[in-house]
Amino acid sequence: MAFTLSLVLLVLTGTALRAQDANLAASSILSGTIVDPHGNGVANATVSIRSEAGGSPHTVTTDDQGRFAATQLTPGRYTVEVSANGFTSATRKAVQIDGSPVSLSIALSLAAERSKSWWRLTLPAPSLPSLPPWTPGSTKPRLTPT
């Protein structure tokens, strides 16, 4: 009886391990780098990976060199959206995950500078003293009290 029980446990354990191995083989890793227009890594960028079949997105954040990795993605097509402060968002559609590692490099563009607000200060025209009357042909204006 002990031998039979041991054999059953051995078979069940082997079956469970094969199923786990099959699930790991069916999942994949999507990794890559997010860079700025100069090729430098963008730190703290948010990478959202959404299956085109639906479901919740898998979200990761880039490290100091702009690298990211998302693990245990099931095979299928994904949309990858990247956002970071100071940059325009970027989207890659139809990224195919087929059970093997996939690597992406996505370049972000600098966000357009926001229009600068210029304040115009309008002051009243300065009050100038009135000029004395001038007679054509005279060289000196005449001063007259006002």
N, C-alpha and C. Protein backbone atom coordinates (compact mmCIF):
# COMPACT_ATOMS: atom_id res chain seq x y z
N MET A 1 0.82 -1.19 0.00
CA MET A 1 0.00 0.00 0.00
C MET A 1 0.87 1.26 0.00
N ALA A 2 1.95 1.23 0.79
CA ALA A 2 2.86 2.38 0.84
C ALA A 2 3.52 2.59 -0.50
N PHE A 3 3.87 1.47 -1.18
CA PHE A 3 4.49 1.56 -2.50
C PHE A 3 3.53 2.20 -3.50
N THR A 4 2.24 1.81 -3.47
CA THR A 4 1.24 2.34 -4.38
C THR A 4 1.03 3.82 -4.12
N LEU A 5 0.94 4.20 -2.85
CA LEU A 5 0.75 5.60 -2.49
C LEU A 5 1.96 6.43 -2.96
N SER A 6 3.16 5.91 -2.79
CA SER A 6 4.38 6.61 -3.24
C SER A 6 4.38 6.77 -4.75
N LEU A 7 3.95 5.72 -5.46
CA LEU A 7 3.91 5.78 -6.91
C LEU A 7 2.89 6.81 -7.38
N VAL A 8 1.73 6.86 -6.74
CA VAL A 8 0.70 7.85 -7.10
C VAL A 8 1.21 9.26 -6.85
N LEU A 9 1.85 9.50 -5.71
CA LEU A 9 2.40 10.83 -5.41
C LEU A 9 3.49 11.21 -6.40
N LEU A 10 4.31 10.26 -6.78
CA LEU A 10 5.37 10.52 -7.75
C LEU A 10 4.78 10.92 -9.11
N VAL A 11 3.75 10.20 -9.54
CA VAL A 11 3.11 10.50 -10.82
C VAL A 11 2.44 11.87 -10.77
N LEU A 12 1.72 12.15 -9.68
CA LEU A 12 1.04 13.45 -9.55
C LEU A 12 2.04 14.60 -9.49
N THR A 13 3.13 14.41 -8.77
CA THR A 13 4.15 15.45 -8.68
C THR A 13 4.78 15.70 -10.03
N GLY A 14 5.09 14.64 -10.75
CA GLY A 14 5.66 14.78 -12.10
C GLY A 14 4.72 15.48 -13.04
N THR A 15 3.42 15.15 -12.96
CA THR A 15 2.42 15.80 -13.81
C THR A 15 2.32 17.29 -13.49
N ALA A 16 2.33 17.63 -12.21
CA ALA A 16 2.25 19.03 -11.80
C ALA A 16 3.48 19.80 -12.26
N LEU A 17 4.65 19.19 -12.16
CA LEU A 17 5.87 19.87 -12.60
C LEU A 17 5.88 20.07 -14.11
N ARG A 18 5.38 19.07 -14.87
CA ARG A 18 5.32 19.24 -16.32
C ARG A 18 4.35 20.34 -16.69
N ALA A 19 3.23 20.42 -16.00
CA ALA A 19 2.26 21.48 -16.27
C ALA A 19 2.86 22.85 -15.96
N GLN A 20 3.61 22.93 -14.85
CA GLN A 20 4.26 24.19 -14.49
C GLN A 20 5.31 24.56 -15.53
N ASP A 21 6.10 23.58 -15.98
CA ASP A 21 7.09 23.84 -17.02
C ASP A 21 6.42 24.28 -18.31
N ALA A 22 5.28 23.69 -18.65
CA ALA A 22 4.56 24.08 -19.87
C ALA A 22 4.07 25.52 -19.76
N ASN A 23 3.58 25.91 -18.57
CA ASN A 23 3.13 27.28 -18.38
C ASN A 23 4.29 28.26 -18.48
N LEU A 24 5.45 27.90 -17.92
CA LEU A 24 6.61 28.79 -18.01
C LEU A 24 7.09 28.90 -19.46
N ALA A 25 7.05 27.78 -20.17
CA ALA A 25 7.48 27.83 -21.56
C ALA A 25 6.51 28.65 -22.41
N ALA A 26 5.24 28.66 -22.04
CA ALA A 26 4.24 29.40 -22.80
C ALA A 26 4.27 30.89 -22.47
N SER A 27 4.92 31.27 -21.38
CA SER A 27 5.00 32.69 -21.05
C SER A 27 6.32 33.23 -21.56
N SER A 28 6.40 34.54 -21.62
CA SER A 28 7.60 35.14 -22.18
C SER A 28 7.94 36.41 -21.44
N ILE A 29 9.09 36.96 -21.81
CA ILE A 29 9.58 38.20 -21.22
C ILE A 29 9.64 39.26 -22.30
N LEU A 30 9.10 40.42 -21.99
CA LEU A 30 9.24 41.59 -22.86
C LEU A 30 10.14 42.56 -22.12
N SER A 31 11.27 42.88 -22.71
CA SER A 31 12.21 43.79 -22.08
C SER A 31 12.64 44.82 -23.10
N GLY A 32 13.34 45.83 -22.62
CA GLY A 32 13.81 46.83 -23.56
C GLY A 32 14.33 48.06 -22.87
N THR A 33 14.50 49.10 -23.67
CA THR A 33 15.04 50.36 -23.19
C THR A 33 14.21 51.50 -23.74
N ILE A 34 13.95 52.48 -22.90
CA ILE A 34 13.26 53.70 -23.30
C ILE A 34 14.32 54.80 -23.33
N VAL A 35 14.47 55.46 -24.48
CA VAL A 35 15.53 56.46 -24.63
C VAL A 35 14.95 57.81 -25.05
N ASP A 36 15.75 58.85 -24.78
CA ASP A 36 15.39 60.20 -25.21
C ASP A 36 15.93 60.43 -26.62
N PRO A 37 15.71 61.61 -27.21
CA PRO A 37 16.18 61.85 -28.58
C PRO A 37 17.70 61.74 -28.75
N HIS A 38 18.46 61.83 -27.67
CA HIS A 38 19.92 61.72 -27.74
C HIS A 38 20.42 60.30 -27.47
N GLY A 39 19.49 59.36 -27.24
CA GLY A 39 19.88 57.97 -26.99
C GLY A 39 20.15 57.65 -25.54
N ASN A 40 19.90 58.61 -24.64
CA ASN A 40 20.10 58.37 -23.20
C ASN A 40 18.86 57.70 -22.63
N GLY A 41 19.05 56.79 -21.68
CA GLY A 41 17.93 56.12 -21.05
C GLY A 41 17.06 57.08 -20.27
N VAL A 42 15.75 56.85 -20.32
CA VAL A 42 14.78 57.69 -19.59
C VAL A 42 14.39 56.96 -18.32
N ALA A 43 14.81 57.49 -17.18
CA ALA A 43 14.50 56.87 -15.89
C ALA A 43 13.05 57.15 -15.50
N ASN A 44 12.46 56.22 -14.78
CA ASN A 44 11.11 56.34 -14.22
C ASN A 44 10.02 56.51 -15.26
N ALA A 45 10.24 56.01 -16.46
CA ALA A 45 9.17 56.01 -17.47
C ALA A 45 8.21 54.88 -17.13
N THR A 46 6.94 55.09 -17.38
CA THR A 46 5.93 54.07 -17.14
C THR A 46 5.66 53.33 -18.44
N VAL A 47 5.80 52.01 -18.39
CA VAL A 47 5.58 51.15 -19.56
C VAL A 47 4.36 50.31 -19.26
N SER A 48 3.31 50.50 -20.05
CA SER A 48 2.06 49.76 -19.87
C SER A 48 1.90 48.78 -21.02
N ILE A 49 1.76 47.51 -20.71
CA ILE A 49 1.69 46.44 -21.71
C ILE A 49 0.31 45.81 -21.61
N ARG A 50 -0.49 45.99 -22.67
CA ARG A 50 -1.87 45.49 -22.64
C ARG A 50 -2.07 44.49 -23.77
N SER A 51 -2.61 43.35 -23.41
CA SER A 51 -2.93 42.32 -24.40
C SER A 51 -4.06 42.81 -25.29
N GLU A 52 -3.93 42.59 -26.60
CA GLU A 52 -5.01 42.98 -27.51
C GLU A 52 -6.23 42.09 -27.33
N ALA A 53 -6.07 40.97 -26.60
CA ALA A 53 -7.20 40.10 -26.30
C ALA A 53 -8.02 40.65 -25.14
N GLY A 54 -7.49 41.68 -24.45
CA GLY A 54 -8.19 42.28 -23.32
C GLY A 54 -7.51 41.98 -22.01
N GLY A 55 -8.12 42.45 -20.96
CA GLY A 55 -7.56 42.24 -19.63
C GLY A 55 -6.83 43.45 -19.11
N SER A 56 -6.36 43.33 -17.89
CA SER A 56 -5.66 44.43 -17.24
C SER A 56 -4.26 44.57 -17.81
N PRO A 57 -3.79 45.81 -17.89
CA PRO A 57 -2.42 46.00 -18.40
C PRO A 57 -1.38 45.56 -17.37
N HIS A 58 -0.25 45.18 -17.85
CA HIS A 58 0.91 44.86 -17.01
C HIS A 58 1.76 46.13 -17.05
N THR A 59 1.99 46.76 -15.90
CA THR A 59 2.70 48.04 -15.86
C THR A 59 4.01 47.90 -15.12
N VAL A 60 5.09 48.41 -15.73
CA VAL A 60 6.41 48.40 -15.11
C VAL A 60 7.01 49.81 -15.25
N THR A 61 8.06 50.06 -14.49
CA THR A 61 8.75 51.35 -14.51
C THR A 61 10.21 51.12 -14.88
N THR A 62 10.76 52.03 -15.68
CA THR A 62 12.15 51.88 -16.09
C THR A 62 13.10 52.21 -14.95
N ASP A 63 14.30 51.62 -15.02
CA ASP A 63 15.33 51.90 -14.03
C ASP A 63 16.10 53.17 -14.42
N ASP A 64 17.22 53.43 -13.75
CA ASP A 64 17.99 54.65 -14.00
C ASP A 64 18.57 54.72 -15.41
N GLN A 65 18.75 53.57 -16.07
CA GLN A 65 19.27 53.56 -17.44
C GLN A 65 18.16 53.43 -18.48
N GLY A 66 16.90 53.50 -18.04
CA GLY A 66 15.78 53.41 -18.97
C GLY A 66 15.38 51.99 -19.34
N ARG A 67 15.90 50.99 -18.62
CA ARG A 67 15.59 49.59 -18.93
C ARG A 67 14.33 49.14 -18.20
N PHE A 68 13.62 48.22 -18.83
CA PHE A 68 12.43 47.62 -18.20
C PHE A 68 12.36 46.15 -18.57
N ALA A 69 11.59 45.39 -17.79
CA ALA A 69 11.33 43.98 -18.10
C ALA A 69 9.98 43.61 -17.53
N ALA A 70 9.17 42.96 -18.35
CA ALA A 70 7.87 42.44 -17.93
C ALA A 70 7.91 40.93 -18.15
N THR A 71 7.63 40.18 -17.11
CA THR A 71 7.73 38.72 -17.18
C THR A 71 6.36 38.08 -17.19
N GLN A 72 6.35 36.82 -17.51
CA GLN A 72 5.17 35.96 -17.49
C GLN A 72 4.02 36.51 -18.34
N LEU A 73 4.38 36.96 -19.53
CA LEU A 73 3.36 37.38 -20.48
C LEU A 73 2.95 36.16 -21.31
N THR A 74 1.67 35.98 -21.49
CA THR A 74 1.20 34.85 -22.29
C THR A 74 1.33 35.20 -23.77
N PRO A 75 1.49 34.19 -24.62
CA PRO A 75 1.62 34.47 -26.05
C PRO A 75 0.41 35.24 -26.58
N GLY A 76 0.68 36.13 -27.49
CA GLY A 76 -0.37 36.94 -28.10
C GLY A 76 0.19 38.27 -28.58
N ARG A 77 -0.73 39.14 -29.00
CA ARG A 77 -0.34 40.46 -29.47
C ARG A 77 -0.61 41.48 -28.37
N TYR A 78 0.32 42.40 -28.23
CA TYR A 78 0.25 43.39 -27.16
C TYR A 78 0.43 44.81 -27.72
N THR A 79 -0.13 45.76 -27.00
CA THR A 79 0.10 47.17 -27.26
C THR A 79 0.94 47.69 -26.11
N VAL A 80 2.04 48.35 -26.43
CA VAL A 80 2.95 48.87 -25.42
C VAL A 80 2.86 50.40 -25.45
N GLU A 81 2.51 51.00 -24.32
CA GLU A 81 2.42 52.46 -24.21
C GLU A 81 3.44 52.93 -23.20
N VAL A 82 4.16 54.00 -23.55
CA VAL A 82 5.21 54.53 -22.69
C VAL A 82 4.93 56.00 -22.42
N SER A 83 5.06 56.40 -21.15
CA SER A 83 4.91 57.81 -20.80
C SER A 83 5.96 58.17 -19.77
N ALA A 84 6.40 59.44 -19.85
CA ALA A 84 7.39 59.95 -18.90
C ALA A 84 7.26 61.47 -18.84
N ASN A 85 7.52 62.02 -17.69
CA ASN A 85 7.45 63.48 -17.53
C ASN A 85 8.43 64.17 -18.47
N GLY A 86 7.95 65.19 -19.16
CA GLY A 86 8.80 65.96 -20.05
C GLY A 86 8.89 65.40 -21.46
N PHE A 87 8.18 64.27 -21.73
CA PHE A 87 8.24 63.62 -23.04
C PHE A 87 6.83 63.37 -23.55
N THR A 88 6.70 63.27 -24.87
CA THR A 88 5.42 62.86 -25.42
C THR A 88 5.29 61.35 -25.26
N SER A 89 4.09 60.87 -25.13
CA SER A 89 3.86 59.43 -24.99
C SER A 89 4.13 58.73 -26.32
N ALA A 90 4.50 57.46 -26.24
CA ALA A 90 4.75 56.66 -27.44
C ALA A 90 3.98 55.35 -27.32
N THR A 91 3.51 54.85 -28.44
CA THR A 91 2.75 53.60 -28.47
C THR A 91 3.31 52.69 -29.55
N ARG A 92 3.48 51.42 -29.21
CA ARG A 92 3.82 50.38 -30.19
C ARG A 92 2.67 49.38 -30.18
N LYS A 93 2.06 49.18 -31.33
CA LYS A 93 0.95 48.23 -31.43
C LYS A 93 1.43 46.94 -32.07
N ALA A 94 0.67 45.90 -31.85
CA ALA A 94 0.88 44.59 -32.47
C ALA A 94 2.26 44.02 -32.16
N VAL A 95 2.70 44.16 -30.92
CA VAL A 95 3.96 43.53 -30.50
C VAL A 95 3.65 42.07 -30.24
N GLN A 96 4.28 41.18 -30.99
CA GLN A 96 3.98 39.75 -30.92
C GLN A 96 4.85 39.07 -29.87
N ILE A 97 4.20 38.43 -28.90
CA ILE A 97 4.87 37.62 -27.88
C ILE A 97 4.55 36.17 -28.23
N ASP A 98 5.59 35.36 -28.44
CA ASP A 98 5.35 33.99 -28.89
C ASP A 98 6.00 32.94 -27.99
N GLY A 99 6.36 33.30 -26.78
CA GLY A 99 6.98 32.33 -25.87
C GLY A 99 8.47 32.51 -25.76
N SER A 100 9.07 33.31 -26.60
CA SER A 100 10.50 33.59 -26.50
C SER A 100 10.68 35.05 -26.10
N PRO A 101 11.82 35.40 -25.53
CA PRO A 101 12.04 36.78 -25.09
C PRO A 101 11.97 37.76 -26.26
N VAL A 102 11.35 38.91 -26.01
CA VAL A 102 11.22 39.97 -27.01
C VAL A 102 11.84 41.23 -26.42
N SER A 103 12.62 41.94 -27.24
CA SER A 103 13.26 43.16 -26.78
C SER A 103 12.84 44.34 -27.66
N LEU A 104 12.53 45.47 -27.01
CA LEU A 104 12.13 46.68 -27.72
C LEU A 104 13.03 47.83 -27.31
N SER A 105 13.22 48.76 -28.21
CA SER A 105 13.85 50.04 -27.89
C SER A 105 12.89 51.10 -28.40
N ILE A 106 12.42 51.94 -27.51
CA ILE A 106 11.45 52.97 -27.88
C ILE A 106 12.04 54.33 -27.56
N ALA A 107 12.08 55.20 -28.56
CA ALA A 107 12.60 56.56 -28.39
C ALA A 107 11.43 57.52 -28.15
N LEU A 108 11.56 58.32 -27.12
CA LEU A 108 10.55 59.32 -26.81
C LEU A 108 11.01 60.68 -27.34
N SER A 109 10.06 61.49 -27.73
CA SER A 109 10.34 62.86 -28.16
C SER A 109 10.11 63.80 -26.99
N LEU A 110 10.86 64.88 -26.97
CA LEU A 110 10.65 65.88 -25.94
C LEU A 110 9.29 66.50 -26.14
N ALA A 111 8.61 66.75 -25.03
CA ALA A 111 7.31 67.41 -25.11
C ALA A 111 7.53 68.84 -25.57
N ALA A 112 6.62 69.34 -26.38
CA ALA A 112 6.72 70.73 -26.83
C ALA A 112 6.67 71.63 -25.61
N GLU A 113 7.50 72.63 -25.65
CA GLU A 113 7.49 73.56 -24.52
C GLU A 113 6.14 74.22 -24.46
N ARG A 114 5.66 74.34 -23.28
CA ARG A 114 4.39 75.04 -23.11
C ARG A 114 4.60 76.49 -23.47
N SER A 115 3.57 77.07 -24.04
CA SER A 115 3.71 78.46 -24.44
C SER A 115 4.03 79.30 -23.21
N LYS A 116 4.99 80.14 -23.39
CA LYS A 116 5.40 80.99 -22.27
C LYS A 116 4.42 82.13 -22.14
N SER A 117 4.03 82.40 -20.95
CA SER A 117 3.12 83.51 -20.71
C SER A 117 3.94 84.77 -20.52
N TRP A 118 3.72 85.69 -21.39
CA TRP A 118 4.40 86.98 -21.27
C TRP A 118 3.38 87.98 -20.77
N TRP A 119 3.77 88.68 -19.75
CA TRP A 119 2.90 89.69 -19.19
C TRP A 119 3.31 91.03 -19.76
N ARG A 120 2.34 91.77 -20.21
CA ARG A 120 2.60 93.10 -20.72
C ARG A 120 2.04 94.09 -19.71
N LEU A 121 2.89 94.93 -19.24
CA LEU A 121 2.49 95.93 -18.28
C LEU A 121 2.27 97.22 -19.04
N THR A 122 1.05 97.70 -18.98
CA THR A 122 0.73 98.94 -19.67
C THR A 122 0.60 100.04 -18.63
N LEU A 123 1.44 101.02 -18.79
CA LEU A 123 1.43 102.16 -17.87
C LEU A 123 0.88 103.37 -18.61
N PRO A 124 0.27 104.27 -17.86
CA PRO A 124 -0.17 105.49 -18.55
C PRO A 124 1.05 106.28 -19.03
N ALA A 125 0.85 107.03 -20.07
CA ALA A 125 1.94 107.84 -20.60
C ALA A 125 2.41 108.80 -19.51
N PRO A 126 3.69 109.00 -19.45
CA PRO A 126 4.18 109.90 -18.41
C PRO A 126 3.65 111.31 -18.62
N SER A 127 3.45 111.94 -17.54
CA SER A 127 2.96 113.32 -17.60
C SER A 127 4.16 114.24 -17.79
N LEU A 128 4.24 114.82 -18.98
CA LEU A 128 5.34 115.71 -19.28
C LEU A 128 4.89 117.15 -19.05
N PRO A 129 5.84 117.94 -18.65
CA PRO A 129 5.44 119.35 -18.52
C PRO A 129 5.09 119.92 -19.90
N SER A 130 4.12 120.76 -19.88
CA SER A 130 3.74 121.34 -21.17
C SER A 130 4.84 122.28 -21.64
N LEU A 131 5.06 122.26 -22.94
CA LEU A 131 6.10 123.10 -23.49
C LEU A 131 5.57 124.52 -23.68
N PRO A 132 6.47 125.44 -23.50
CA PRO A 132 6.02 126.83 -23.71
C PRO A 132 5.73 127.08 -25.19
N PRO A 133 4.91 128.02 -25.45
CA PRO A 133 4.61 128.31 -26.84
C PRO A 133 5.88 128.68 -27.60
N TRP A 134 5.89 128.33 -28.84
CA TRP A 134 7.06 128.60 -29.66
C TRP A 134 6.63 129.36 -30.89
N THR A 135 7.39 130.31 -31.18
CA THR A 135 7.08 131.13 -32.34
C THR A 135 8.06 130.75 -33.44
N PRO A 136 7.52 130.46 -34.62
CA PRO A 136 8.44 130.11 -35.68
C PRO A 136 9.42 131.25 -35.94
N GLY A 137 10.63 130.87 -36.18
CA GLY A 137 11.68 131.83 -36.45
C GLY A 137 12.42 132.26 -35.21
N SER A 138 11.86 131.97 -34.05
CA SER A 138 12.60 132.34 -32.84
C SER A 138 13.52 131.19 -32.47
N THR A 139 14.59 131.54 -31.82
CA THR A 139 15.56 130.50 -31.45
C THR A 139 15.32 129.98 -30.06
N LYS A 140 14.70 130.76 -29.25
CA LYS A 140 14.43 130.33 -27.90
C LYS A 140 12.92 130.30 -27.66
N PRO A 141 12.48 129.23 -27.05
CA PRO A 141 11.07 129.28 -26.68
C PRO A 141 10.88 130.28 -25.56
N ARG A 142 9.71 130.87 -25.58
CA ARG A 142 9.40 131.80 -24.51
C ARG A 142 8.74 131.05 -23.38
N LEU A 143 9.17 131.33 -22.22
CA LEU A 143 8.56 130.71 -21.06
C LEU A 143 7.42 131.58 -20.60
N THR A 144 6.30 130.99 -20.45
CA THR A 144 5.15 131.69 -19.94
C THR A 144 4.56 130.89 -18.80
N PRO A 145 4.17 131.54 -17.76
CA PRO A 145 3.58 130.80 -16.63
C PRO A 145 2.25 130.17 -17.04
N THR A 146 1.97 129.05 -16.49
CA THR A 146 0.68 128.38 -16.78
C THR A 146 -0.22 128.41 -15.62
